[in-house]
N, C-alpha and C. Protein backbone atom coordinates (compact mmCIF):
# COMPACT_ATOMS: atom_id res chain seq x y z
N MET A 1 7.33 28.19 15.43
CA MET A 1 7.86 26.90 15.29
C MET A 1 6.84 26.61 13.93
N LYS A 2 7.30 26.99 12.85
CA LYS A 2 6.08 26.06 11.69
C LYS A 2 7.42 24.57 10.03
N ILE A 3 6.16 23.12 10.40
CA ILE A 3 6.87 22.70 9.62
C ILE A 3 7.13 23.53 7.97
N THR A 4 8.60 23.54 7.58
CA THR A 4 9.20 23.60 6.63
C THR A 4 9.12 23.35 4.98
N ASP A 5 9.38 21.92 5.37
CA ASP A 5 10.05 20.66 4.68
C ASP A 5 9.82 19.22 5.02
N VAL A 6 8.91 18.73 4.42
CA VAL A 6 9.55 17.28 4.58
C VAL A 6 10.37 16.13 3.34
N VAL A 7 11.19 15.87 3.64
CA VAL A 7 12.24 15.20 2.58
C VAL A 7 12.15 14.04 2.59
N VAL A 8 12.24 12.63 1.85
CA VAL A 8 11.90 11.73 2.42
C VAL A 8 13.30 10.56 1.13
N TYR A 9 13.68 10.35 1.89
CA TYR A 9 14.96 9.65 1.09
C TYR A 9 14.52 8.16 1.54
N GLU A 10 15.23 7.62 0.05
CA GLU A 10 14.97 6.16 0.22
C GLU A 10 16.60 5.72 0.18
N VAL A 11 16.83 4.63 0.49
CA VAL A 11 17.77 4.13 0.96
C VAL A 11 17.58 2.30 0.11
N LYS A 12 18.65 1.50 -0.98
CA LYS A 12 17.75 0.18 -1.77
C LYS A 12 18.35 -0.34 -0.11
N PRO A 13 18.53 -0.98 0.39
CA PRO A 13 17.04 -2.01 -0.68
C PRO A 13 15.41 -1.77 -0.16
N ARG A 14 15.33 -1.45 1.34
CA ARG A 14 14.27 -1.01 1.56
C ARG A 14 13.81 -0.31 2.32
N TRP A 15 14.63 1.26 2.78
CA TRP A 15 14.81 1.31 4.50
C TRP A 15 14.62 2.90 3.45
N ILE A 16 14.26 4.00 4.50
CA ILE A 16 13.47 5.11 4.40
C ILE A 16 13.00 6.38 5.26
N PHE A 17 13.76 6.98 5.19
CA PHE A 17 14.73 8.39 6.13
C PHE A 17 13.27 9.11 5.89
N VAL A 18 12.88 9.87 6.73
CA VAL A 18 12.13 10.86 6.90
C VAL A 18 12.82 12.80 7.42
N LYS A 19 13.59 13.31 6.58
CA LYS A 19 13.14 14.23 7.54
C LYS A 19 12.67 15.48 7.73
N VAL A 20 12.60 16.01 8.97
CA VAL A 20 11.26 17.22 8.83
C VAL A 20 12.29 18.53 9.61
N CYS A 21 12.01 19.83 8.72
CA CYS A 21 12.32 20.65 8.50
C CYS A 21 11.93 21.19 9.21
N THR A 22 12.26 22.56 10.10
CA THR A 22 11.34 23.55 10.56
C THR A 22 11.53 25.12 10.25
N ASP A 23 11.09 26.17 10.25
CA ASP A 23 11.20 27.40 10.10
C ASP A 23 12.34 28.17 11.48
N GLU A 24 12.42 27.79 11.48
CA GLU A 24 13.90 27.86 13.10
C GLU A 24 14.94 26.92 13.24
N GLY A 25 14.70 26.23 11.64
CA GLY A 25 16.55 25.68 11.35
C GLY A 25 16.39 23.89 12.33
N ILE A 26 15.51 24.03 13.42
CA ILE A 26 15.67 22.93 13.64
C ILE A 26 14.84 21.27 12.69
N GLU A 27 15.82 20.29 13.33
CA GLU A 27 15.54 19.06 11.52
C GLU A 27 15.21 17.85 13.24
N GLY A 28 14.61 17.04 12.19
CA GLY A 28 14.30 15.73 13.20
C GLY A 28 13.69 14.32 12.46
N TRP A 29 14.19 13.63 12.43
CA TRP A 29 14.43 12.11 11.13
C TRP A 29 13.52 11.74 12.10
N GLY A 30 13.15 10.58 10.56
CA GLY A 30 11.99 9.35 11.45
C GLY A 30 12.94 8.26 10.11
N GLU A 31 12.41 6.91 11.29
CA GLU A 31 12.63 5.88 10.33
C GLU A 31 11.46 5.06 9.45
N MET A 32 11.39 3.87 8.60
CA MET A 32 10.37 3.79 7.95
C MET A 32 11.37 3.12 7.19
N ILE A 33 10.60 1.10 7.30
CA ILE A 33 11.17 0.40 6.86
C ILE A 33 10.08 -0.49 6.09
N SER A 34 10.13 -0.61 4.50
CA SER A 34 9.31 -1.38 3.50
C SER A 34 9.43 -2.79 3.80
N GLY A 35 8.16 -3.36 3.12
CA GLY A 35 8.29 -4.80 2.50
C GLY A 35 8.74 -4.56 1.25
N THR A 36 8.07 -5.28 0.61
CA THR A 36 8.65 -5.39 -0.98
C THR A 36 7.27 -4.18 -2.03
N LYS A 37 6.93 -2.91 -1.16
CA LYS A 37 6.25 -1.52 -1.83
C LYS A 37 7.05 -0.42 -1.53
N THR A 38 8.27 -1.05 -1.30
CA THR A 38 9.34 0.38 -0.77
C THR A 38 8.52 1.83 -1.52
N GLU A 39 7.93 1.75 -3.14
CA GLU A 39 7.78 2.80 -3.92
C GLU A 39 6.18 3.33 -2.84
N THR A 40 5.50 2.57 -2.68
CA THR A 40 4.33 2.54 -2.52
C THR A 40 4.08 3.90 -0.71
N VAL A 41 5.55 3.39 -0.23
CA VAL A 41 5.27 3.75 1.16
C VAL A 41 6.10 5.25 0.99
N VAL A 42 7.16 5.17 0.34
CA VAL A 42 7.34 7.05 -0.04
C VAL A 42 6.56 7.68 -1.23
N ALA A 43 5.56 7.34 -1.61
CA ALA A 43 5.06 7.83 -2.03
C ALA A 43 3.87 8.50 -1.25
N GLY A 44 3.25 8.13 0.10
CA GLY A 44 2.48 7.89 1.41
C GLY A 44 2.92 8.79 2.07
N ALA A 45 4.18 8.36 2.50
CA ALA A 45 4.93 9.45 3.14
C ALA A 45 5.32 11.05 2.72
N LYS A 46 5.51 10.98 1.15
CA LYS A 46 5.52 12.37 0.64
C LYS A 46 4.28 13.35 0.90
N GLU A 47 3.03 12.55 0.73
CA GLU A 47 1.53 13.09 0.93
C GLU A 47 1.28 13.24 1.60
N MET A 48 1.65 12.88 2.74
CA MET A 48 1.39 13.02 4.21
C MET A 48 1.82 14.27 4.85
N GLY A 49 3.69 14.30 4.29
CA GLY A 49 4.20 15.40 4.99
C GLY A 49 3.61 16.80 4.21
N ALA A 50 3.03 16.30 3.18
CA ALA A 50 2.04 17.95 2.23
C ALA A 50 1.09 18.36 2.91
N TYR A 51 -0.10 17.66 3.95
CA TYR A 51 -0.54 17.38 4.70
C TYR A 51 -0.29 18.45 6.07
N LEU A 52 1.29 18.62 7.00
CA LEU A 52 2.20 19.08 7.65
C LEU A 52 2.36 19.89 7.55
N MET A 53 2.60 20.58 6.01
CA MET A 53 3.55 22.01 5.62
C MET A 53 2.10 23.08 6.64
N GLY A 54 4.33 23.98 6.93
CA GLY A 54 2.60 24.74 7.67
C GLY A 54 2.87 24.62 9.47
N ARG A 55 2.37 23.44 10.05
CA ARG A 55 1.56 23.03 11.42
C ARG A 55 2.56 23.13 12.09
N ASN A 56 2.50 23.55 13.42
CA ASN A 56 3.63 22.80 14.49
C ASN A 56 4.08 22.00 15.10
N PRO A 57 4.81 21.45 14.85
CA PRO A 57 5.84 19.72 15.07
C PRO A 57 5.33 19.75 16.48
N LEU A 58 4.85 20.62 17.42
CA LEU A 58 4.86 20.27 18.78
C LEU A 58 3.70 19.46 18.94
N GLU A 59 2.45 20.07 17.97
CA GLU A 59 0.96 19.80 17.79
C GLU A 59 1.35 17.86 17.05
N ILE A 60 1.67 16.93 17.82
CA ILE A 60 1.56 15.66 16.97
C ILE A 60 0.18 15.58 17.30
N MET A 61 -0.72 15.29 17.31
CA MET A 61 -2.26 14.80 18.15
C MET A 61 -3.03 15.24 16.47
N ALA A 62 -2.40 16.73 16.35
CA ALA A 62 -3.57 17.24 16.26
C ALA A 62 -3.03 17.39 14.03
N GLY A 63 -1.90 17.04 14.34
CA GLY A 63 -1.31 16.63 13.16
C GLY A 63 -1.67 15.33 12.44
N ASN A 64 -1.83 14.68 13.32
CA ASN A 64 -2.63 13.22 13.43
C ASN A 64 -4.25 13.53 12.48
N VAL A 65 -4.93 14.40 13.64
CA VAL A 65 -6.14 14.34 13.39
C VAL A 65 -6.57 15.27 11.51
N GLN A 66 -5.62 15.57 11.46
CA GLN A 66 -5.77 16.11 10.36
C GLN A 66 -5.62 15.76 8.91
N ILE A 67 -4.74 14.72 9.56
CA ILE A 67 -4.10 13.98 7.95
C ILE A 67 -5.37 12.97 7.67
N PHE A 68 -5.71 12.23 9.12
CA PHE A 68 -7.04 11.65 9.10
C PHE A 68 -8.31 12.19 8.59
N LEU A 69 -8.91 13.22 9.36
CA LEU A 69 -10.05 14.04 8.25
C LEU A 69 -10.75 14.61 7.15
N GLN A 70 -8.56 15.37 6.77
CA GLN A 70 -8.56 15.03 5.61
C GLN A 70 -8.16 13.95 4.07
N ARG A 71 -7.83 13.13 4.65
CA ARG A 71 -7.61 12.40 3.95
C ARG A 71 -8.53 11.36 4.00
N TRP A 72 -8.61 10.97 4.77
CA TRP A 72 -9.22 9.40 4.92
C TRP A 72 -11.13 9.17 5.30
N SER A 73 -11.33 9.73 6.54
CA SER A 73 -12.89 10.26 6.61
C SER A 73 -13.63 10.45 5.46
N ASN A 74 -13.20 11.51 4.38
CA ASN A 74 -14.42 11.33 3.31
C ASN A 74 -14.43 9.78 1.69
N GLN A 75 -12.96 9.75 2.06
CA GLN A 75 -13.38 8.54 1.79
C GLN A 75 -14.12 7.13 2.01
N TRP A 76 -14.19 7.36 3.65
CA TRP A 76 -14.29 6.23 4.50
C TRP A 76 -15.73 6.50 4.41
N TYR A 77 -16.76 7.36 4.74
CA TYR A 77 -17.93 7.97 4.71
C TYR A 77 -18.85 7.84 2.59
N ASP A 78 -17.98 7.26 2.39
CA ASP A 78 -18.52 7.22 0.06
C ASP A 78 -18.56 6.36 0.66
N CYS A 79 -18.06 5.20 0.74
CA CYS A 79 -17.66 4.21 1.10
C CYS A 79 -19.33 3.22 2.26
N ILE A 80 -18.84 3.71 3.44
CA ILE A 80 -20.32 3.41 4.25
C ILE A 80 -21.91 4.12 3.29
N TRP A 81 -21.71 4.58 2.42
CA TRP A 81 -23.22 5.31 2.64
C TRP A 81 -23.90 5.34 0.73
N ILE A 82 -22.51 4.77 0.06
CA ILE A 82 -22.91 4.17 -1.52
C ILE A 82 -23.18 3.27 -1.40
């Protein structure tokens, strides 16, 4: 089973729903509530969803580690050593 699509729905005033679709037709839903920065949270959800494409949705920790290593660790490393 692989993640094939991550769709982010923004509902005014500040609710955000995320649908994760798989190649086997299984869909999962998540919910986020933002404060005053709804557009920022939506953009972040879309960017993180891109990192999960093609991954097994049952390997939750592996997905979290990939997002951390690919996105954040390089920025922190640059900040620490510069």
